[in-house]
Amino acid sequence: MKVIISETKEELGQSAGAYAAMIIRDTITRQGYANVILATGTSQFETLNQLIEEKDIEWSKVTMFHLDEYIGLPVTHPASFRKYLSERFLSKVPSLNASYLIDGEGDLEKELAYLAQNIGEHPIDVALVGIGENGHLAFNDPPADFDTESPYLVVNLDEPCRRQQMGEGWFESLEEVPLQAISMSVRQIMKSTHIICSVPDERKAVAVKNSLESEVSNAFPASILQLHPHCAFFLDRESASLLTAIETANNDVEMRK
């Protein structure tokens, strides 16, 4: 595992976005196309901004999936991840080959089947992810399902997850936060050839420590990333502040100042 610690979240985003762009370019050069997963939320602002600014990416050869979406939330709602990606990414990269946005408003079984078919036809080359304050990966809250082979599933959102969404300003009250979402499964995320995990801010420090220094456990869902052969964590000083065993034989640590 590679761990890159930057001084600020802005520098974190620059490093993570540039790294993602490099992988996308190299993949297109090698096989003629690239399939990517994008994460959403406040932790991804800087990384996505940098990725969009990167030059010489043939976006017409890129197909995009994303991690999760609330069930029953209109696409017009400020917290909608479809809205997030449409405004923050797709409108700025109009030549994308294809994008598969999760629709949590209609027939859920049909949507799960639709997503499963399409991601099954597009093996993922690079996944951009984050982790939650409760250690979740996508919306796989603890104890996460590490076993299901389904690419997407309906999940229940625990209270810490819902409080995070409210605390980030997406909802005005806890009661407004949906109780369920469609989430990409842990196993599907782990099938990605490369994983880039961007995690800024002190409020994520406990989750980062549990993800990198605990035993792999579904009580700390993102800890499973320790098992991925090509995973890079991009942290800032605040999110990395509780790490104590980072310089081990299993971690390639690159300090950025």
C-alpha atoms as a PDB file:
ATOM      1  CA  MET A   1       0.000   0.000   0.000  1.00  0.00           C
ATOM      2  CA  LYS A   2       1.158   3.492  -0.851  1.00  0.00           C
ATOM      3  CA  VAL A   3       0.445   6.330   1.593  1.00  0.00           C
ATOM      4  CA  ILE A   4       1.032   9.915   0.509  1.00  0.00           C
ATOM      5  CA  ILE A   5       0.706  12.618   3.170  1.00  0.00           C
ATOM      6  CA  SER A   6       0.343  16.223   2.058  1.00  0.00           C
ATOM      7  CA  GLU A   7       0.367  19.345   4.181  1.00  0.00           C
ATOM      8  CA  THR A   8      -3.105  20.513   3.126  1.00  0.00           C
ATOM      9  CA  LYS A   9      -6.225  19.062   1.565  1.00  0.00           C
ATOM     10  CA  GLU A  10      -5.610  21.234  -1.494  1.00  0.00           C
ATOM     11  CA  GLU A  11      -2.206  19.606  -2.012  1.00  0.00           C
ATOM     12  CA  LEU A  12      -3.774  16.208  -1.303  1.00  0.00           C
ATOM     13  CA  GLY A  13      -6.272  16.775  -4.101  1.00  0.00           C
ATOM     14  CA  GLN A  14      -3.586  17.913  -6.501  1.00  0.00           C
ATOM     15  CA  SER A  15      -1.534  14.785  -5.831  1.00  0.00           C
ATOM     16  CA  ALA A  16      -4.468  12.370  -5.988  1.00  0.00           C
ATOM     17  CA  GLY A  17      -5.941  13.943  -9.124  1.00  0.00           C
ATOM     18  CA  ALA A  18      -2.605  13.933 -10.914  1.00  0.00           C
ATOM     19  CA  TYR A  19      -1.998  10.309  -9.924  1.00  0.00           C
ATOM     20  CA  ALA A  20      -5.439   9.291 -11.207  1.00  0.00           C
ATOM     21  CA  ALA A  21      -4.816  11.136 -14.481  1.00  0.00           C
ATOM     22  CA  MET A  22      -1.521   9.319 -14.942  1.00  0.00           C
ATOM     23  CA  ILE A  23      -3.200   5.934 -14.506  1.00  0.00           C
ATOM     24  CA  ILE A  24      -6.015   6.860 -16.893  1.00  0.00           C
ATOM     25  CA  ARG A  25      -3.577   8.049 -19.569  1.00  0.00           C
ATOM     26  CA  ASP A  26      -1.391   4.962 -19.210  1.00  0.00           C
ATOM     27  CA  THR A  27      -4.417   2.669 -19.362  1.00  0.00           C
ATOM     28  CA  ILE A  28      -5.742   4.312 -22.536  1.00  0.00           C
ATOM     29  CA  THR A  29      -2.295   4.061 -24.127  1.00  0.00           C
ATOM     30  CA  ARG A  30      -2.092   0.375 -23.260  1.00  0.00           C
ATOM     31  CA  GLN A  31      -5.612  -0.853 -24.050  1.00  0.00           C
ATOM     32  CA  GLY A  32      -7.347   1.977 -25.904  1.00  0.00           C
ATOM     33  CA  TYR A  33      -9.911   2.873 -23.215  1.00  0.00           C
ATOM     34  CA  ALA A  34     -10.315   3.251 -19.454  1.00  0.00           C
ATOM     35  CA  ASN A  35     -13.151   2.467 -17.051  1.00  0.00           C
ATOM     36  CA  VAL A  36     -13.269   4.520 -13.867  1.00  0.00           C
ATOM     37  CA  ILE A  37     -15.256   4.858 -10.652  1.00  0.00           C
ATOM     38  CA  LEU A  38     -15.714   8.296  -9.109  1.00  0.00           C
ATOM     39  CA  ALA A  39     -16.587   9.063  -5.510  1.00  0.00           C
ATOM     40  CA  THR A  40     -18.578  12.054  -4.301  1.00  0.00           C
ATOM     41  CA  GLY A  41     -18.864  14.132  -1.128  1.00  0.00           C
ATOM     42  CA  THR A  42     -16.815  16.981   0.287  1.00  0.00           C
ATOM     43  CA  SER A  43     -13.666  14.856   0.538  1.00  0.00           C
ATOM     44  CA  GLN A  44     -13.500  14.600  -3.246  1.00  0.00           C
ATOM     45  CA  PHE A  45     -13.781  18.281  -4.197  1.00  0.00           C
ATOM     46  CA  GLU A  46     -10.067  18.930  -4.639  1.00  0.00           C
ATOM     47  CA  THR A  47      -9.274  15.567  -6.239  1.00  0.00           C
ATOM     48  CA  LEU A  48     -11.992  15.915  -8.883  1.00  0.00           C
ATOM     49  CA  ASN A  49     -11.032  19.531  -9.565  1.00  0.00           C
ATOM     50  CA  GLN A  50      -7.456  18.463 -10.250  1.00  0.00           C
ATOM     51  CA  LEU A  51      -8.514  15.537 -12.419  1.00  0.00           C
ATOM     52  CA  ILE A  52     -10.613  17.853 -14.574  1.00  0.00           C
ATOM     53  CA  GLU A  53      -7.680  20.256 -14.933  1.00  0.00           C
ATOM     54  CA  GLU A  54      -5.299  17.544 -16.102  1.00  0.00           C
ATOM     55  CA  LYS A  55      -4.261  17.749 -19.746  1.00  0.00           C
ATOM     56  CA  ASP A  56      -4.066  15.114 -22.485  1.00  0.00           C
ATOM     57  CA  ILE A  57      -6.738  12.776 -21.146  1.00  0.00           C
ATOM     58  CA  GLU A  58      -8.790  11.357 -24.011  1.00  0.00           C
ATOM     59  CA  TRP A  59     -12.103  11.547 -22.188  1.00  0.00           C
ATOM     60  CA  SER A  60     -13.954  10.154 -25.206  1.00  0.00           C
ATOM     61  CA  LYS A  61     -12.303   6.834 -24.349  1.00  0.00           C
ATOM     62  CA  VAL A  62     -13.350   6.893 -20.669  1.00  0.00           C
ATOM     63  CA  THR A  63     -16.447   5.243 -19.171  1.00  0.00           C
ATOM     64  CA  MET A  64     -17.536   6.314 -15.678  1.00  0.00           C
ATOM     65  CA  PHE A  65     -19.401   4.627 -12.843  1.00  0.00           C
ATOM     66  CA  HIS A  66     -19.991   5.958  -9.349  1.00  0.00           C
ATOM     67  CA  LEU A  67     -20.255   4.470  -5.911  1.00  0.00           C
ATOM     68  CA  ASP A  68     -23.651   5.184  -4.405  1.00  0.00           C
ATOM     69  CA  GLU A  69     -26.884   7.135  -4.340  1.00  0.00           C
ATOM     70  CA  TYR A  70     -29.638   7.697  -1.815  1.00  0.00           C
ATOM     71  CA  ILE A  71     -32.923   5.869  -2.284  1.00  0.00           C
ATOM     72  CA  GLY A  72     -35.900   8.124  -2.900  1.00  0.00           C
ATOM     73  CA  LEU A  73     -33.906  11.349  -3.146  1.00  0.00           C
ATOM     74  CA  PRO A  74     -34.773  13.503  -6.185  1.00  0.00           C
ATOM     75  CA  VAL A  75     -31.935  14.354  -8.560  1.00  0.00           C
ATOM     76  CA  THR A  76     -32.738  18.019  -7.878  1.00  0.00           C
ATOM     77  CA  HIS A  77     -31.883  17.708  -4.165  1.00  0.00           C
ATOM     78  CA  PRO A  78     -28.534  19.305  -3.184  1.00  0.00           C
ATOM     79  CA  ALA A  79     -27.381  15.991  -1.670  1.00  0.00           C
ATOM     80  CA  SER A  80     -28.044  13.914  -4.784  1.00  0.00           C
ATOM     81  CA  PHE A  81     -24.839  12.300  -5.978  1.00  0.00           C
ATOM     82  CA  ARG A  82     -26.189  12.282  -9.535  1.00  0.00           C
ATOM     83  CA  LYS A  83     -26.556  16.054  -9.246  1.00  0.00           C
ATOM     84  CA  TYR A  84     -23.061  16.285  -7.716  1.00  0.00           C
ATOM     85  CA  LEU A  85     -21.411  14.429 -10.574  1.00  0.00           C
ATOM     86  CA  SER A  86     -23.486  16.075 -13.289  1.00  0.00           C
ATOM     87  CA  GLU A  87     -22.526  19.540 -12.085  1.00  0.00           C
ATOM     88  CA  ARG A  88     -18.995  18.958 -10.834  1.00  0.00           C
ATOM     89  CA  PHE A  89     -17.711  16.502 -13.424  1.00  0.00           C
ATOM     90  CA  LEU A  90     -19.910  15.592 -16.380  1.00  0.00           C
ATOM     91  CA  SER A  91     -20.708  19.190 -17.334  1.00  0.00           C
ATOM     92  CA  LYS A  92     -16.972  19.904 -17.422  1.00  0.00           C
ATOM     93  CA  VAL A  93     -16.017  16.739 -19.316  1.00  0.00           C
ATOM     94  CA  PRO A  94     -18.752  16.626 -21.973  1.00  0.00           C
ATOM     95  CA  SER A  95     -16.911  14.267 -24.290  1.00  0.00           C
ATOM     96  CA  LEU A  96     -16.964  11.292 -21.888  1.00  0.00           C
ATOM     97  CA  ASN A  97     -17.606   8.002 -23.675  1.00  0.00           C
ATOM     98  CA  ALA A  98     -20.375   6.979 -21.264  1.00  0.00           C
ATOM     99  CA  SER A  99     -21.513   7.454 -17.678  1.00  0.00           C
ATOM    100  CA  TYR A 100     -23.680   5.197 -15.559  1.00  0.00           C
ATOM    101  CA  LEU A 101     -25.365   7.200 -12.813  1.00  0.00           C
ATOM    102  CA  ILE A 102     -27.305   5.388 -10.100  1.00  0.00           C
ATOM    103  CA  ASP A 103     -31.039   6.123 -10.020  1.00  0.00           C
ATOM    104  CA  GLY A 104     -32.497   5.537  -6.570  1.00  0.00           C
ATOM    105  CA  GLU A 105     -35.964   6.834  -7.389  1.00  0.00           C
ATOM    106  CA  GLY A 106     -37.448   4.074  -9.516  1.00  0.00           C
ATOM    107  CA  ASP A 107     -37.657   0.278  -9.529  1.00  0.00           C
ATOM    108  CA  LEU A 108     -34.696  -0.752  -7.386  1.00  0.00           C
ATOM    109  CA  GLU A 109     -34.465  -4.335  -8.644  1.00  0.00           C
ATOM    110  CA  LYS A 110     -34.345  -3.160 -12.251  1.00  0.00           C
ATOM    111  CA  GLU A 111     -31.743  -0.538 -11.371  1.00  0.00           C
ATOM    112  CA  LEU A 112     -29.532  -3.076  -9.587  1.00  0.00           C
ATOM    113  CA  ALA A 113     -29.752  -5.420 -12.581  1.00  0.00           C
ATOM    114  CA  TYR A 114     -28.994  -2.577 -15.016  1.00  0.00           C
ATOM    115  CA  LEU A 115     -25.938  -1.481 -13.049  1.00  0.00           C
ATOM    116  CA  ALA A 116     -24.704  -5.044 -12.582  1.00  0.00           C
ATOM    117  CA  GLN A 117     -24.910  -5.768 -16.295  1.00  0.00           C
ATOM    118  CA  ASN A 118     -23.056  -2.638 -17.311  1.00  0.00           C
ATOM    119  CA  ILE A 119     -20.262  -2.757 -14.766  1.00  0.00           C
ATOM    120  CA  GLY A 120     -19.850  -6.432 -15.584  1.00  0.00           C
ATOM    121  CA  GLU A 121     -19.104  -5.397 -19.161  1.00  0.00           C
ATOM    122  CA  HIS A 122     -16.603  -2.724 -18.054  1.00  0.00           C
ATOM    123  CA  PRO A 123     -13.863  -4.049 -15.745  1.00  0.00           C
ATOM    124  CA  ILE A 124     -12.696  -1.098 -13.661  1.00  0.00           C
ATOM    125  CA  ASP A 125      -9.188   0.219 -14.207  1.00  0.00           C
ATOM    126  CA  VAL A 126      -9.126   2.842 -11.462  1.00  0.00           C
ATOM    127  CA  ALA A 127     -11.526   3.622  -8.619  1.00  0.00           C
ATOM    128  CA  LEU A 128     -11.446   6.955  -6.818  1.00  0.00           C
ATOM    129  CA  VAL A 129     -12.913   6.451  -3.352  1.00  0.00           C
ATOM    130  CA  GLY A 130     -13.061   8.039   0.064  1.00  0.00           C
ATOM    131  CA  ILE A 131     -13.912   6.716   3.510  1.00  0.00           C
ATOM    132  CA  GLY A 132     -16.531   7.892   5.951  1.00  0.00           C
ATOM    133  CA  GLU A 133     -16.129   9.081   9.515  1.00  0.00           C
ATOM    134  CA  ASN A 134     -17.445   5.645  10.543  1.00  0.00           C
ATOM    135  CA  GLY A 135     -14.933   3.934   8.243  1.00  0.00           C
ATOM    136  CA  HIS A 136     -17.450   3.076   5.559  1.00  0.00           C
ATOM    137  CA  LEU A 137     -16.390   2.352   1.998  1.00  0.00           C
ATOM    138  CA  ALA A 138     -19.016   3.674  -0.414  1.00  0.00           C
ATOM    139  CA  PHE A 139     -22.162   3.352   1.731  1.00  0.00           C
ATOM    140  CA  ASN A 140     -21.104   0.009   3.191  1.00  0.00           C
ATOM    141  CA  ASP A 141     -21.424   0.971   6.853  1.00  0.00           C
ATOM    142  CA  PRO A 142     -20.049  -1.279   9.607  1.00  0.00           C
ATOM    143  CA  PRO A 143     -20.469  -4.178   9.852  1.00  0.00           C
ATOM    144  CA  ALA A 144     -19.999  -4.190   6.089  1.00  0.00           C
ATOM    145  CA  ASP A 145     -20.846  -7.115   3.850  1.00  0.00           C
ATOM    146  CA  PHE A 146     -17.480  -8.414   2.651  1.00  0.00           C
ATOM    147  CA  ASP A 147     -18.979 -11.514   1.036  1.00  0.00           C
ATOM    148  CA  THR A 148     -21.670 -10.550  -1.466  1.00  0.00           C
ATOM    149  CA  GLU A 149     -20.693 -10.876  -5.112  1.00  0.00           C
ATOM    150  CA  SER A 150     -23.458  -8.522  -6.220  1.00  0.00           C
ATOM    151  CA  PRO A 151     -21.889  -5.430  -7.794  1.00  0.00           C
ATOM    152  CA  TYR A 152     -24.493  -3.130  -6.224  1.00  0.00           C
ATOM    153  CA  LEU A 153     -26.852  -3.625  -3.304  1.00  0.00           C
ATOM    154  CA  VAL A 154     -29.407  -1.823  -1.159  1.00  0.00           C
ATOM    155  CA  VAL A 155     -27.905  -0.845   2.198  1.00  0.00           C
ATOM    156  CA  ASN A 156     -29.203   0.663   5.428  1.00  0.00           C
ATOM    157  CA  LEU A 157     -27.413   3.827   6.556  1.00  0.00           C
ATOM    158  CA  ASP A 158     -26.410   3.882  10.205  1.00  0.00           C
ATOM    159  CA  GLU A 159     -26.808   6.973  12.367  1.00  0.00           C
ATOM    160  CA  PRO A 160     -23.099   8.008  12.342  1.00  0.00           C
ATOM    161  CA  CYS A 161     -23.179   7.935   8.530  1.00  0.00           C
ATOM    162  CA  ARG A 162     -26.364   9.963   8.423  1.00  0.00           C
ATOM    163  CA  ARG A 163     -25.000  12.461  10.943  1.00  0.00           C
ATOM    164  CA  GLN A 164     -21.923  12.944   8.762  1.00  0.00           C
ATOM    165  CA  GLN A 165     -24.095  13.805   5.770  1.00  0.00           C
ATOM    166  CA  MET A 166     -25.987  16.341   7.852  1.00  0.00           C
ATOM    167  CA  GLY A 167     -22.776  17.723   9.358  1.00  0.00           C
ATOM    168  CA  GLU A 168     -21.312  18.310   5.901  1.00  0.00           C
ATOM    169  CA  GLY A 169     -24.280  20.532   5.100  1.00  0.00           C
ATOM    170  CA  TRP A 170     -26.123  18.344   2.601  1.00  0.00           C
ATOM    171  CA  PHE A 171     -29.237  18.163   4.811  1.00  0.00           C
ATOM    172  CA  GLU A 172     -30.743  20.539   7.356  1.00  0.00           C
ATOM    173  CA  SER A 173     -31.708  17.844   9.859  1.00  0.00           C
ATOM    174  CA  LEU A 174     -31.001  14.192  10.608  1.00  0.00           C
ATOM    175  CA  GLU A 175     -34.618  13.333   9.817  1.00  0.00           C
ATOM    176  CA  GLU A 176     -34.108  14.511   6.236  1.00  0.00           C
ATOM    177  CA  VAL A 177     -31.250  12.080   5.574  1.00  0.00           C
ATOM    178  CA  PRO A 178     -32.532   8.934   3.809  1.00  0.00           C
ATOM    179  CA  LEU A 179     -32.366   5.652   5.677  1.00  0.00           C
ATOM    180  CA  GLN A 180     -31.253   3.619   2.653  1.00  0.00           C
ATOM    181  CA  ALA A 181     -29.051   3.877  -0.415  1.00  0.00           C
ATOM    182  CA  ILE A 182     -27.851   1.884  -3.395  1.00  0.00           C
ATOM    183  CA  SER A 183     -24.153   1.223  -2.884  1.00  0.00           C
ATOM    184  CA  MET A 184     -21.430  -0.454  -4.869  1.00  0.00           C
ATOM    185  CA  SER A 185     -20.393  -3.552  -2.947  1.00  0.00           C
ATOM    186  CA  VAL A 186     -17.042  -3.950  -1.241  1.00  0.00           C
ATOM    187  CA  ARG A 187     -16.075  -6.865  -3.484  1.00  0.00           C
ATOM    188  CA  GLN A 188     -16.885  -4.880  -6.613  1.00  0.00           C
ATOM    189  CA  ILE A 189     -14.693  -1.982  -5.450  1.00  0.00           C
ATOM    190  CA  MET A 190     -11.870  -4.414  -4.700  1.00  0.00           C
ATOM    191  CA  LYS A 191     -11.998  -5.754  -8.272  1.00  0.00           C
ATOM    192  CA  SER A 192     -10.615  -2.426  -9.534  1.00  0.00           C
ATOM    193  CA  THR A 193      -7.080  -2.655 -10.890  1.00  0.00           C
ATOM    194  CA  HIS A 194      -6.076   0.530  -9.033  1.00  0.00           C
ATOM    195  CA  ILE A 195      -7.723   2.235  -6.064  1.00  0.00           C
ATOM    196  CA  ILE A 196      -7.061   5.848  -5.075  1.00  0.00           C
ATOM    197  CA  CYS A 197      -8.426   6.774  -1.660  1.00  0.00           C
ATOM    198  CA  SER A 198      -8.564  10.526  -0.887  1.00  0.00           C
ATOM    199  CA  VAL A 199      -9.213  11.331   2.776  1.00  0.00           C
ATOM    200  CA  PRO A 200      -8.721  14.893   4.071  1.00  0.00           C
ATOM    201  CA  ASP A 201      -9.668  16.511   7.412  1.00  0.00           C
ATOM    202  CA  GLU A 202      -9.163  15.800  11.101  1.00  0.00           C
ATOM    203  CA  ARG A 203     -12.687  14.411  11.503  1.00  0.00           C
ATOM    204  CA  LYS A 204     -11.540  11.395   9.447  1.00  0.00           C
ATOM    205  CA  ALA A 205      -8.399  10.752  11.529  1.00  0.00           C
ATOM    206  CA  VAL A 206      -9.895   7.931  13.628  1.00  0.00           C
ATOM    207  CA  ALA A 207     -11.292   6.248  10.514  1.00  0.00           C
ATOM    208  CA  VAL A 208      -7.930   6.560   8.758  1.00  0.00           C
ATOM    209  CA  LYS A 209      -6.121   5.012  11.711  1.00  0.00           C
ATOM    210  CA  ASN A 210      -8.597   2.125  11.892  1.00  0.00           C
ATOM    211  CA  SER A 211      -8.392   1.592   8.141  1.00  0.00           C
ATOM    212  CA  LEU A 212      -4.605   1.494   7.972  1.00  0.00           C
ATOM    213  CA  GLU A 213      -3.536   0.142  11.367  1.00  0.00           C
ATOM    214  CA  SER A 214      -6.307  -2.180  12.543  1.00  0.00           C
ATOM    215  CA  GLU A 215      -6.731  -5.801  11.552  1.00  0.00           C
ATOM    216  CA  VAL A 216      -8.859  -6.182   8.441  1.00  0.00           C
ATOM    217  CA  SER A 217     -12.417  -6.358   9.719  1.00  0.00           C
ATOM    218  CA  ASN A 218     -15.887  -5.490   8.528  1.00  0.00           C
ATOM    219  CA  ALA A 219     -16.161  -3.405  11.700  1.00  0.00           C
ATOM    220  CA  PHE A 220     -13.763  -1.055   9.876  1.00  0.00           C
ATOM    221  CA  PRO A 221     -14.957  -1.490   6.267  1.00  0.00           C
ATOM    222  CA  ALA A 222     -12.160   0.490   4.587  1.00  0.00           C
ATOM    223  CA  SER A 223      -9.563  -1.696   6.315  1.00  0.00           C
ATOM    224  CA  ILE A 224     -10.101  -4.187   3.486  1.00  0.00           C
ATOM    225  CA  LEU A 225      -8.119  -1.832   1.257  1.00  0.00           C
ATOM    226  CA  GLN A 226      -5.021  -3.164   3.022  1.00  0.00           C
ATOM    227  CA  LEU A 227      -5.489  -6.304   0.936  1.00  0.00           C
ATOM    228  CA  HIS A 228      -5.561  -4.547  -2.421  1.00  0.00           C
ATOM    229  CA  PRO A 229      -2.330  -4.885  -4.451  1.00  0.00           C
ATOM    230  CA  HIS A 230      -2.468  -1.379  -5.954  1.00  0.00           C
ATOM    231  CA  CYS A 231      -4.109   0.952  -3.444  1.00  0.00           C
ATOM    232  CA  ALA A 232      -2.859   4.476  -2.673  1.00  0.00           C
ATOM    233  CA  PHE A 233      -4.098   6.516   0.291  1.00  0.00           C
ATOM    234  CA  PHE A 234      -3.830  10.286  -0.100  1.00  0.00           C
ATOM    235  CA  LEU A 235      -4.014  12.038   3.269  1.00  0.00           C
ATOM    236  CA  ASP A 236      -3.387  15.488   4.671  1.00  0.00           C
ATOM    237  CA  ARG A 237      -1.616  16.203   7.953  1.00  0.00           C
ATOM    238  CA  GLU A 238      -4.902  16.360   9.839  1.00  0.00           C
ATOM    239  CA  SER A 239      -6.371  13.081   8.595  1.00  0.00           C
ATOM    240  CA  ALA A 240      -3.008  11.348   9.186  1.00  0.00           C
ATOM    241  CA  SER A 241      -2.529  12.861  12.653  1.00  0.00           C
ATOM    242  CA  LEU A 242      -3.315   9.672  14.629  1.00  0.00           C
ATOM    243  CA  LEU A 243      -1.182   7.267  12.601  1.00  0.00           C
ATOM    244  CA  THR A 244       1.602   5.627  14.577  1.00  0.00           C
ATOM    245  CA  ALA A 245       2.701   2.576  12.602  1.00  0.00           C
ATOM    246  CA  ILE A 246       2.675   4.025   9.120  1.00  0.00           C
ATOM    247  CA  GLU A 247       6.275   3.265   8.227  1.00  0.00           C
ATOM    248  CA  THR A 248       6.088  -0.503   8.053  1.00  0.00           C
ATOM    249  CA  ALA A 249       7.306  -2.991   5.520  1.00  0.00           C
ATOM    250  CA  ASN A 250       3.866  -2.976   3.906  1.00  0.00           C
ATOM    251  CA  ASN A 251       3.637   0.766   3.373  1.00  0.00           C
ATOM    252  CA  ASP A 252       5.414   2.865   0.779  1.00  0.00           C
ATOM    253  CA  VAL A 253       5.299   6.283   2.451  1.00  0.00           C
ATOM    254  CA  GLU A 254       5.986   9.366   0.388  1.00  0.00           C
ATOM    255  CA  MET A 255       5.990  12.605   2.371  1.00  0.00           C
ATOM    256  CA  ARG A 256       4.833  15.683   0.476  1.00  0.00           C
ATOM    257  CA  LYS A 257       5.568  19.187   1.769  1.00  0.00           C
END
